Amino acid sequence: MTTTPPPRQRTGLSRGRVLSAAVELADAEGVESLTMRALAERLGVEAMSLYYHVANKAALLDGVADAVIGEILTAVRSPAEDEDWRSALRERILA
C-alpha cells in the first residue's frame, strides 16, 4: 500500500514577500540575475504568479529600490534638531 505524503504548506505571496525575496536574490547573485523566472523559482511559484504583486520587471526593480531605501532609513536614526545636516547625511551614506 502506498501512502500519499501530506500536502505541503504553502506560504501565500504578498508584495512584501516578493520584494524581500527579490532583494535577497539581488544581494546573493547580483541585480543582473534578478529575473521574474529566477525570483519565482526562489519563491517556489510560477513566474506568472508574481504579476499579481508587481506589474512588470520595471515595477519589481522600483519596489526593490524602495525596499533598500527603507532598510537604509530604518538603519539610521533621525537627526536631532540641533544636528548639522552634513553630519546626518554622512551617517545615512555610511549606513
N, C-alpha and C. Protein backbone atom coordinates (compact mmCIF):
# COMPACT_ATOMS: atom_id res chain seq x y z
N MET A 1 0.83 -1.16 0.00
CA MET A 1 0.00 0.00 0.00
C MET A 1 0.89 1.25 0.00
N THR A 2 0.59 2.16 -0.89
CA THR A 2 1.38 3.39 -0.94
C THR A 2 0.65 4.49 -0.16
N THR A 3 1.42 5.28 0.47
CA THR A 3 0.82 6.39 1.20
C THR A 3 1.18 7.69 0.51
N THR A 4 0.25 8.57 0.52
CA THR A 4 0.47 9.88 -0.09
C THR A 4 1.02 10.82 0.97
N PRO A 5 2.09 11.54 0.61
CA PRO A 5 2.63 12.47 1.60
C PRO A 5 1.61 13.59 1.86
N PRO A 6 1.65 14.13 3.06
CA PRO A 6 0.70 15.22 3.36
C PRO A 6 0.97 16.42 2.46
N PRO A 7 -0.07 17.18 2.15
CA PRO A 7 0.15 18.33 1.28
C PRO A 7 1.12 19.32 1.93
N ARG A 8 1.95 19.89 1.09
CA ARG A 8 2.94 20.85 1.57
C ARG A 8 2.26 22.17 1.88
N GLN A 9 2.59 22.73 3.03
CA GLN A 9 2.04 24.03 3.39
C GLN A 9 2.72 25.10 2.54
N ARG A 10 1.94 25.91 1.88
CA ARG A 10 2.49 26.98 1.07
C ARG A 10 2.20 28.31 1.74
N THR A 11 3.21 29.12 1.77
CA THR A 11 3.04 30.46 2.30
C THR A 11 2.55 31.33 1.16
N GLY A 12 1.48 32.06 1.41
CA GLY A 12 0.94 32.93 0.37
C GLY A 12 1.90 34.03 -0.01
N LEU A 13 1.79 34.44 -1.24
CA LEU A 13 2.62 35.54 -1.72
C LEU A 13 2.02 36.86 -1.28
N SER A 14 2.88 37.81 -1.09
CA SER A 14 2.47 39.18 -0.85
C SER A 14 3.52 40.06 -1.54
N ARG A 15 3.17 41.32 -1.74
CA ARG A 15 4.14 42.23 -2.37
C ARG A 15 5.41 42.30 -1.51
N GLY A 16 5.25 42.35 -0.20
CA GLY A 16 6.41 42.42 0.68
C GLY A 16 7.29 41.19 0.57
N ARG A 17 6.67 40.03 0.52
CA ARG A 17 7.43 38.78 0.40
C ARG A 17 8.16 38.71 -0.94
N VAL A 18 7.49 39.14 -2.00
CA VAL A 18 8.10 39.13 -3.34
C VAL A 18 9.30 40.08 -3.36
N LEU A 19 9.13 41.29 -2.82
CA LEU A 19 10.22 42.26 -2.84
C LEU A 19 11.37 41.82 -1.94
N SER A 20 11.06 41.23 -0.80
CA SER A 20 12.10 40.74 0.09
C SER A 20 12.93 39.66 -0.59
N ALA A 21 12.27 38.74 -1.26
CA ALA A 21 12.98 37.68 -1.98
C ALA A 21 13.80 38.27 -3.13
N ALA A 22 13.28 39.30 -3.78
CA ALA A 22 14.00 39.94 -4.87
C ALA A 22 15.28 40.61 -4.36
N VAL A 23 15.19 41.27 -3.22
CA VAL A 23 16.38 41.90 -2.62
C VAL A 23 17.40 40.82 -2.25
N GLU A 24 16.94 39.73 -1.65
CA GLU A 24 17.85 38.64 -1.28
C GLU A 24 18.52 38.06 -2.52
N LEU A 25 17.76 37.86 -3.59
CA LEU A 25 18.33 37.31 -4.82
C LEU A 25 19.35 38.26 -5.42
N ALA A 26 19.03 39.54 -5.46
CA ALA A 26 19.96 40.53 -6.00
C ALA A 26 21.23 40.61 -5.14
N ASP A 27 21.07 40.53 -3.83
CA ASP A 27 22.23 40.54 -2.93
C ASP A 27 23.12 39.32 -3.16
N ALA A 28 22.49 38.18 -3.32
CA ALA A 28 23.24 36.92 -3.43
C ALA A 28 23.90 36.73 -4.78
N GLU A 29 23.19 37.12 -5.85
CA GLU A 29 23.68 36.77 -7.19
C GLU A 29 23.88 37.96 -8.11
N GLY A 30 23.60 39.16 -7.63
CA GLY A 30 23.75 40.35 -8.46
C GLY A 30 22.43 40.73 -9.09
N VAL A 31 22.26 42.03 -9.30
CA VAL A 31 20.98 42.53 -9.82
C VAL A 31 20.71 42.02 -11.24
N GLU A 32 21.75 41.73 -11.99
CA GLU A 32 21.55 41.22 -13.35
C GLU A 32 20.91 39.83 -13.36
N SER A 33 21.01 39.11 -12.26
CA SER A 33 20.40 37.78 -12.17
C SER A 33 18.94 37.85 -11.74
N LEU A 34 18.47 39.03 -11.44
CA LEU A 34 17.09 39.20 -10.96
C LEU A 34 16.13 39.18 -12.15
N THR A 35 15.56 38.01 -12.39
CA THR A 35 14.55 37.85 -13.43
C THR A 35 13.28 37.34 -12.77
N MET A 36 12.17 37.52 -13.46
CA MET A 36 10.91 37.04 -12.92
C MET A 36 10.96 35.53 -12.74
N ARG A 37 11.57 34.85 -13.67
CA ARG A 37 11.65 33.39 -13.60
C ARG A 37 12.52 32.94 -12.42
N ALA A 38 13.68 33.58 -12.23
CA ALA A 38 14.56 33.21 -11.12
C ALA A 38 13.91 33.53 -9.78
N LEU A 39 13.21 34.66 -9.73
CA LEU A 39 12.53 35.04 -8.50
C LEU A 39 11.41 34.06 -8.17
N ALA A 40 10.65 33.68 -9.18
CA ALA A 40 9.57 32.72 -8.97
C ALA A 40 10.12 31.39 -8.49
N GLU A 41 11.22 30.96 -9.07
CA GLU A 41 11.84 29.70 -8.64
C GLU A 41 12.27 29.79 -7.17
N ARG A 42 12.83 30.91 -6.80
CA ARG A 42 13.27 31.11 -5.41
C ARG A 42 12.09 31.04 -4.44
N LEU A 43 10.93 31.54 -4.89
CA LEU A 43 9.73 31.55 -4.05
C LEU A 43 8.92 30.26 -4.17
N GLY A 44 9.28 29.41 -5.12
CA GLY A 44 8.56 28.15 -5.30
C GLY A 44 7.20 28.31 -5.95
N VAL A 45 7.10 29.29 -6.85
CA VAL A 45 5.84 29.54 -7.55
C VAL A 45 6.12 29.66 -9.05
N GLU A 46 5.06 29.78 -9.81
CA GLU A 46 5.19 30.04 -11.24
C GLU A 46 5.43 31.54 -11.45
N ALA A 47 6.17 31.87 -12.48
CA ALA A 47 6.51 33.27 -12.75
C ALA A 47 5.26 34.14 -12.90
N MET A 48 4.22 33.60 -13.50
CA MET A 48 3.00 34.40 -13.70
C MET A 48 2.36 34.81 -12.39
N SER A 49 2.61 34.07 -11.32
CA SER A 49 2.05 34.42 -10.01
C SER A 49 2.58 35.75 -9.50
N LEU A 50 3.77 36.12 -9.94
CA LEU A 50 4.38 37.35 -9.46
C LEU A 50 3.68 38.59 -10.00
N TYR A 51 3.07 38.48 -11.17
CA TYR A 51 2.47 39.64 -11.82
C TYR A 51 1.24 40.16 -11.09
N TYR A 52 0.72 39.42 -10.15
CA TYR A 52 -0.37 39.91 -9.32
C TYR A 52 0.16 40.94 -8.31
N HIS A 53 1.44 40.82 -7.98
CA HIS A 53 2.06 41.65 -6.96
C HIS A 53 2.93 42.76 -7.53
N VAL A 54 3.51 42.54 -8.70
CA VAL A 54 4.29 43.57 -9.41
C VAL A 54 3.89 43.52 -10.87
N ALA A 55 3.69 44.68 -11.46
CA ALA A 55 3.16 44.74 -12.83
C ALA A 55 4.14 44.19 -13.87
N ASN A 56 5.41 44.44 -13.68
CA ASN A 56 6.43 44.02 -14.65
C ASN A 56 7.80 44.14 -13.98
N LYS A 57 8.85 43.88 -14.75
CA LYS A 57 10.18 43.90 -14.16
C LYS A 57 10.56 45.31 -13.72
N ALA A 58 10.15 46.33 -14.45
CA ALA A 58 10.46 47.70 -14.05
C ALA A 58 9.82 48.01 -12.69
N ALA A 59 8.59 47.58 -12.49
CA ALA A 59 7.92 47.79 -11.20
C ALA A 59 8.62 46.98 -10.11
N LEU A 60 9.11 45.81 -10.45
CA LEU A 60 9.86 45.00 -9.48
C LEU A 60 11.13 45.73 -9.05
N LEU A 61 11.87 46.27 -10.02
CA LEU A 61 13.10 46.99 -9.70
C LEU A 61 12.81 48.26 -8.89
N ASP A 62 11.72 48.95 -9.20
CA ASP A 62 11.32 50.12 -8.41
C ASP A 62 11.02 49.70 -6.97
N GLY A 63 10.32 48.59 -6.82
CA GLY A 63 10.00 48.08 -5.49
C GLY A 63 11.24 47.67 -4.72
N VAL A 64 12.19 47.07 -5.41
CA VAL A 64 13.46 46.69 -4.78
C VAL A 64 14.19 47.94 -4.29
N ALA A 65 14.24 48.97 -5.14
CA ALA A 65 14.90 50.22 -4.74
C ALA A 65 14.21 50.81 -3.52
N ASP A 66 12.88 50.84 -3.52
CA ASP A 66 12.15 51.36 -2.36
C ASP A 66 12.45 50.55 -1.10
N ALA A 67 12.52 49.23 -1.25
CA ALA A 67 12.79 48.36 -0.10
C ALA A 67 14.19 48.62 0.46
N VAL A 68 15.16 48.78 -0.42
CA VAL A 68 16.53 49.03 0.03
C VAL A 68 16.62 50.39 0.71
N ILE A 69 15.99 51.40 0.14
CA ILE A 69 15.99 52.73 0.76
C ILE A 69 15.31 52.66 2.14
N GLY A 70 14.23 51.91 2.21
CA GLY A 70 13.55 51.74 3.50
C GLY A 70 14.45 51.10 4.53
N GLU A 71 15.25 50.11 4.12
CA GLU A 71 16.19 49.46 5.03
C GLU A 71 17.24 50.47 5.52
N ILE A 72 17.70 51.32 4.61
CA ILE A 72 18.71 52.31 4.98
C ILE A 72 18.11 53.30 5.98
N LEU A 73 16.92 53.77 5.69
CA LEU A 73 16.30 54.75 6.58
C LEU A 73 16.01 54.15 7.95
N THR A 74 15.68 52.87 7.99
CA THR A 74 15.45 52.19 9.26
C THR A 74 16.75 52.03 10.04
N ALA A 75 17.84 51.85 9.31
CA ALA A 75 19.13 51.61 9.95
C ALA A 75 19.72 52.86 10.60
N VAL A 76 19.33 54.02 10.12
CA VAL A 76 19.89 55.25 10.69
C VAL A 76 18.82 55.97 11.49
N ARG A 77 19.25 56.64 12.49
CA ARG A 77 18.32 57.37 13.34
C ARG A 77 17.94 58.69 12.68
N SER A 78 16.90 59.30 13.14
CA SER A 78 16.51 60.63 12.69
C SER A 78 17.47 61.63 13.31
N PRO A 79 17.88 62.62 12.54
CA PRO A 79 18.82 63.60 13.10
C PRO A 79 18.16 64.45 14.17
N ALA A 80 18.96 64.82 15.15
CA ALA A 80 18.47 65.72 16.20
C ALA A 80 18.28 67.11 15.60
N GLU A 81 17.40 67.88 16.20
CA GLU A 81 17.10 69.21 15.66
C GLU A 81 18.35 70.09 15.58
N ASP A 82 19.25 69.94 16.54
CA ASP A 82 20.43 70.80 16.56
C ASP A 82 21.62 70.18 15.81
N GLU A 83 21.41 69.02 15.18
CA GLU A 83 22.50 68.34 14.49
C GLU A 83 22.73 68.97 13.12
N ASP A 84 23.96 69.08 12.77
CA ASP A 84 24.36 69.60 11.46
C ASP A 84 23.86 68.66 10.37
N TRP A 85 23.29 69.20 9.31
CA TRP A 85 22.74 68.38 8.24
C TRP A 85 23.82 67.57 7.55
N ARG A 86 25.03 68.08 7.52
CA ARG A 86 26.13 67.34 6.88
C ARG A 86 26.45 66.06 7.67
N SER A 87 26.44 66.18 8.98
CA SER A 87 26.70 65.01 9.82
C SER A 87 25.60 63.95 9.65
N ALA A 88 24.34 64.42 9.60
CA ALA A 88 23.22 63.50 9.43
C ALA A 88 23.31 62.81 8.07
N LEU A 89 23.65 63.56 7.03
CA LEU A 89 23.77 62.99 5.69
C LEU A 89 24.91 61.98 5.64
N ARG A 90 26.04 62.33 6.25
CA ARG A 90 27.19 61.41 6.28
C ARG A 90 26.81 60.10 6.96
N GLU A 91 26.09 60.17 8.07
CA GLU A 91 25.69 58.97 8.78
C GLU A 91 24.79 58.09 7.91
N ARG A 92 23.88 58.71 7.19
CA ARG A 92 23.00 57.93 6.30
C ARG A 92 23.79 57.28 5.17
N ILE A 93 24.71 58.01 4.60
CA ILE A 93 25.52 57.46 3.50
C ILE A 93 26.35 56.27 3.98
N LEU A 94 26.94 56.41 5.16
CA LEU A 94 27.77 55.33 5.69
C LEU A 94 26.93 54.11 6.10
N ALA A 95 25.67 54.32 6.40
CA ALA A 95 24.81 53.20 6.78
C ALA A 95 24.57 52.32 5.58
